[in-house]
């Protein structure tokens, strides 16, 4: 069975771009804590989506949450892969 990995997606609707992808591997507690902090930070902004996703891989997240992965988002995913030594 694959280990569940956690990712926070930060999407800016005004810019129509994914601003960041925060990987947390299997650390659910840290992912949940950071998600709460970001939700509080952007509470008054209807233009920001903060999404905590659990999945087997970022590739699966790109399929299940495809609306976040267009244009600049693809570059951020590539950067994330490089930083995690996947590319």
N, C-alpha and C. Protein backbone atom coordinates (compact mmCIF):
# COMPACT_ATOMS: atom_id res chain seq x y z
N UNK A 1 0.84 -1.18 0.00
CA UNK A 1 0.00 0.00 0.00
C UNK A 1 0.88 1.24 0.00
N UNK A 2 0.55 2.21 -0.83
CA UNK A 2 1.33 3.45 -0.95
C UNK A 2 1.14 4.31 0.29
N UNK A 3 2.21 4.99 0.68
CA UNK A 3 2.15 5.91 1.80
C UNK A 3 1.45 7.18 1.35
N UNK A 4 0.51 7.65 2.16
CA UNK A 4 -0.21 8.87 1.85
C UNK A 4 0.71 10.06 2.08
N UNK A 5 0.82 10.90 1.04
CA UNK A 5 1.61 12.12 1.12
C UNK A 5 0.65 13.30 1.21
N UNK A 6 1.09 14.36 1.82
CA UNK A 6 0.24 15.53 2.04
C UNK A 6 0.82 16.73 1.33
N UNK A 7 -0.05 17.50 0.68
CA UNK A 7 0.33 18.69 -0.05
C UNK A 7 -0.66 19.80 0.26
N UNK A 8 -0.14 21.01 0.44
CA UNK A 8 -1.01 22.18 0.52
C UNK A 8 -0.84 22.94 -0.78
N UNK A 9 -1.97 23.22 -1.42
CA UNK A 9 -2.00 24.03 -2.64
C UNK A 9 -2.49 25.42 -2.27
N UNK A 10 -1.78 26.44 -2.73
CA UNK A 10 -2.18 27.82 -2.49
C UNK A 10 -2.46 28.44 -3.86
N UNK A 11 -3.74 28.69 -4.11
CA UNK A 11 -4.16 29.17 -5.42
C UNK A 11 -4.74 30.57 -5.33
N UNK A 12 -4.27 31.45 -6.20
CA UNK A 12 -4.72 32.83 -6.25
C UNK A 12 -5.67 33.00 -7.43
N UNK A 13 -6.95 33.19 -7.16
CA UNK A 13 -7.95 33.34 -8.23
C UNK A 13 -7.78 34.65 -8.98
N UNK A 14 -7.31 35.69 -8.31
CA UNK A 14 -7.11 36.98 -8.99
C UNK A 14 -6.07 36.86 -10.09
N UNK A 15 -5.00 36.13 -9.80
CA UNK A 15 -3.92 35.92 -10.78
C UNK A 15 -4.15 34.69 -11.64
N UNK A 16 -5.12 33.87 -11.24
CA UNK A 16 -5.40 32.61 -11.93
C UNK A 16 -4.15 31.73 -12.00
N UNK A 17 -3.50 31.62 -10.82
CA UNK A 17 -2.30 30.78 -10.78
C UNK A 17 -2.09 30.16 -9.41
N UNK A 18 -1.45 29.02 -9.45
CA UNK A 18 -1.04 28.33 -8.24
C UNK A 18 0.19 29.04 -7.72
N UNK A 19 0.09 29.61 -6.52
CA UNK A 19 1.21 30.37 -5.98
C UNK A 19 2.24 29.48 -5.31
N UNK A 20 1.79 28.37 -4.75
CA UNK A 20 2.76 27.51 -4.06
C UNK A 20 2.18 26.11 -3.87
N UNK A 21 3.09 25.17 -3.75
CA UNK A 21 2.77 23.79 -3.38
C UNK A 21 3.70 23.45 -2.22
N UNK A 22 3.12 23.14 -1.09
CA UNK A 22 3.92 22.81 0.08
C UNK A 22 3.81 21.31 0.34
N UNK A 23 4.90 20.57 0.16
CA UNK A 23 4.88 19.12 0.40
C UNK A 23 5.15 18.80 1.87
N UNK A 24 4.43 17.83 2.41
CA UNK A 24 4.62 17.42 3.80
C UNK A 24 4.86 15.93 3.96
N UNK A 25 5.06 15.25 2.82
CA UNK A 25 5.26 13.79 2.86
C UNK A 25 4.16 13.16 3.71
N UNK A 26 4.51 12.33 4.70
CA UNK A 26 3.49 11.66 5.51
C UNK A 26 3.24 12.33 6.85
N UNK A 27 3.70 13.57 7.01
CA UNK A 27 3.56 14.31 8.27
C UNK A 27 2.22 15.05 8.32
N UNK A 28 1.17 14.31 8.68
CA UNK A 28 -0.18 14.85 8.71
C UNK A 28 -0.30 15.97 9.74
N UNK A 29 0.32 15.82 10.89
CA UNK A 29 0.21 16.83 11.94
C UNK A 29 0.77 18.18 11.48
N UNK A 30 1.94 18.17 10.87
CA UNK A 30 2.53 19.42 10.38
C UNK A 30 1.71 20.01 9.24
N UNK A 31 1.21 19.16 8.35
CA UNK A 31 0.40 19.64 7.23
C UNK A 31 -0.88 20.29 7.75
N UNK A 32 -1.52 19.65 8.71
CA UNK A 32 -2.76 20.18 9.27
C UNK A 32 -2.53 21.49 10.01
N UNK A 33 -1.44 21.55 10.76
CA UNK A 33 -1.11 22.77 11.49
C UNK A 33 -0.85 23.93 10.51
N UNK A 34 -0.07 23.68 9.49
CA UNK A 34 0.24 24.74 8.50
C UNK A 34 -1.01 25.15 7.73
N UNK A 35 -1.85 24.18 7.41
CA UNK A 35 -3.12 24.47 6.74
C UNK A 35 -3.95 25.44 7.59
N UNK A 36 -4.05 25.18 8.88
CA UNK A 36 -4.80 26.06 9.79
C UNK A 36 -4.22 27.46 9.82
N UNK A 37 -2.90 27.56 9.84
CA UNK A 37 -2.24 28.88 9.83
C UNK A 37 -2.56 29.64 8.55
N UNK A 38 -2.48 28.96 7.42
CA UNK A 38 -2.75 29.61 6.14
C UNK A 38 -4.21 30.00 6.00
N UNK A 39 -5.11 29.14 6.46
CA UNK A 39 -6.53 29.47 6.42
C UNK A 39 -6.80 30.72 7.25
N UNK A 40 -6.19 30.84 8.41
CA UNK A 40 -6.36 32.03 9.25
C UNK A 40 -5.77 33.26 8.55
N UNK A 41 -4.62 33.10 7.93
CA UNK A 41 -3.96 34.21 7.25
C UNK A 41 -4.81 34.76 6.10
N UNK A 42 -5.46 33.88 5.37
CA UNK A 42 -6.23 34.28 4.20
C UNK A 42 -7.74 34.24 4.42
N UNK A 43 -8.17 34.22 5.65
CA UNK A 43 -9.58 34.11 6.01
C UNK A 43 -10.46 35.14 5.30
N UNK A 44 -9.99 36.35 5.17
CA UNK A 44 -10.80 37.43 4.60
C UNK A 44 -10.63 37.59 3.09
N UNK A 45 -9.91 36.69 2.48
CA UNK A 45 -9.66 36.78 1.04
C UNK A 45 -10.43 35.69 0.29
N UNK A 46 -11.50 36.11 -0.37
CA UNK A 46 -12.29 35.17 -1.16
C UNK A 46 -11.56 34.76 -2.43
N UNK A 47 -10.45 35.42 -2.73
CA UNK A 47 -9.71 35.14 -3.95
C UNK A 47 -8.61 34.11 -3.78
N UNK A 48 -8.42 33.63 -2.56
CA UNK A 48 -7.37 32.65 -2.29
C UNK A 48 -7.98 31.32 -1.88
N UNK A 49 -7.49 30.24 -2.48
CA UNK A 49 -7.86 28.89 -2.06
C UNK A 49 -6.66 28.28 -1.37
N UNK A 50 -6.91 27.73 -0.19
CA UNK A 50 -5.91 26.96 0.53
C UNK A 50 -6.47 25.55 0.62
N UNK A 51 -5.79 24.60 0.01
CA UNK A 51 -6.31 23.24 -0.09
C UNK A 51 -5.29 22.26 0.45
N UNK A 52 -5.72 21.45 1.41
CA UNK A 52 -4.88 20.37 1.93
C UNK A 52 -5.33 19.08 1.27
N UNK A 53 -4.39 18.42 0.58
CA UNK A 53 -4.71 17.22 -0.18
C UNK A 53 -3.82 16.08 0.29
N UNK A 54 -4.43 14.93 0.50
CA UNK A 54 -3.68 13.72 0.77
C UNK A 54 -3.76 12.82 -0.44
N UNK A 55 -2.62 12.30 -0.88
CA UNK A 55 -2.59 11.48 -2.09
C UNK A 55 -1.34 10.62 -2.10
N UNK A 56 -1.31 9.69 -3.03
CA UNK A 56 -0.12 8.85 -3.16
C UNK A 56 1.02 9.59 -3.84
N UNK A 57 0.69 10.66 -4.63
CA UNK A 57 1.74 11.40 -5.34
C UNK A 57 1.20 12.73 -5.83
N UNK A 58 2.11 13.62 -6.18
CA UNK A 58 1.71 14.90 -6.76
C UNK A 58 1.10 14.68 -8.14
N UNK A 59 1.50 13.63 -8.83
CA UNK A 59 0.92 13.32 -10.13
C UNK A 59 -0.58 13.06 -10.01
N UNK A 60 -0.97 12.34 -8.98
CA UNK A 60 -2.39 12.08 -8.74
C UNK A 60 -3.12 13.37 -8.40
N UNK A 61 -2.50 14.23 -7.59
CA UNK A 61 -3.11 15.52 -7.25
C UNK A 61 -3.33 16.35 -8.51
N UNK A 62 -2.40 16.28 -9.44
CA UNK A 62 -2.56 17.03 -10.69
C UNK A 62 -3.78 16.56 -11.47
N UNK A 63 -4.16 15.31 -11.30
CA UNK A 63 -5.35 14.79 -11.97
C UNK A 63 -6.61 15.15 -11.18
N UNK A 64 -6.59 14.89 -9.87
CA UNK A 64 -7.78 15.11 -9.05
C UNK A 64 -8.09 16.59 -8.83
N UNK A 65 -7.08 17.44 -8.93
CA UNK A 65 -7.25 18.89 -8.73
C UNK A 65 -6.71 19.65 -9.94
N UNK A 66 -7.02 19.15 -11.11
CA UNK A 66 -6.46 19.67 -12.37
C UNK A 66 -6.71 21.16 -12.58
N UNK A 67 -7.80 21.69 -12.04
CA UNK A 67 -8.11 23.11 -12.23
C UNK A 67 -7.05 24.02 -11.63
N UNK A 68 -6.24 23.53 -10.70
CA UNK A 68 -5.18 24.34 -10.11
C UNK A 68 -3.88 24.29 -10.91
N UNK A 69 -3.77 23.35 -11.83
CA UNK A 69 -2.51 23.10 -12.51
C UNK A 69 -2.54 23.52 -13.97
N UNK A 70 -2.48 24.80 -14.19
CA UNK A 70 -2.43 25.35 -15.55
C UNK A 70 -1.34 26.40 -15.61
N UNK A 71 -0.73 26.58 -16.74
CA UNK A 71 0.27 27.64 -16.94
C UNK A 71 1.38 27.63 -15.93
N UNK A 72 1.45 28.68 -15.12
CA UNK A 72 2.52 28.83 -14.13
C UNK A 72 2.54 27.69 -13.13
N UNK A 73 1.39 27.11 -12.87
CA UNK A 73 1.33 26.00 -11.92
C UNK A 73 2.21 24.85 -12.38
N UNK A 74 2.24 24.59 -13.68
CA UNK A 74 3.07 23.51 -14.20
C UNK A 74 4.54 23.76 -13.88
N UNK A 75 4.97 25.01 -13.96
CA UNK A 75 6.36 25.34 -13.63
C UNK A 75 6.64 25.07 -12.16
N UNK A 76 5.69 25.40 -11.30
CA UNK A 76 5.87 25.17 -9.86
C UNK A 76 5.94 23.68 -9.55
N UNK A 77 5.15 22.89 -10.23
CA UNK A 77 5.21 21.44 -10.04
C UNK A 77 6.58 20.92 -10.46
N UNK A 78 7.07 21.39 -11.59
CA UNK A 78 8.39 20.96 -12.06
C UNK A 78 9.47 21.35 -11.04
N UNK A 79 9.37 22.55 -10.48
CA UNK A 79 10.33 22.99 -9.46
C UNK A 79 10.25 22.08 -8.23
N UNK A 80 9.03 21.74 -7.84
CA UNK A 80 8.85 20.86 -6.68
C UNK A 80 9.49 19.50 -6.95
N UNK A 81 9.25 18.93 -8.13
CA UNK A 81 9.86 17.66 -8.48
C UNK A 81 11.38 17.73 -8.39
N UNK A 82 11.95 18.81 -8.95
CA UNK A 82 13.41 18.94 -8.90
C UNK A 82 13.91 19.03 -7.46
N UNK A 83 13.20 19.80 -6.62
CA UNK A 83 13.65 19.97 -5.24
C UNK A 83 13.55 18.66 -4.45
N UNK A 84 12.62 17.78 -4.86
CA UNK A 84 12.47 16.49 -4.19
C UNK A 84 13.25 15.38 -4.90
N UNK A 85 14.06 15.78 -5.88
CA UNK A 85 14.88 14.83 -6.65
C UNK A 85 14.04 13.80 -7.43
N UNK A 86 12.88 14.22 -7.93
CA UNK A 86 12.04 13.34 -8.74
C UNK A 86 12.29 13.55 -10.23
N UNK A 87 12.96 14.63 -10.60
CA UNK A 87 13.16 14.92 -12.03
C UNK A 87 14.62 14.88 -12.37
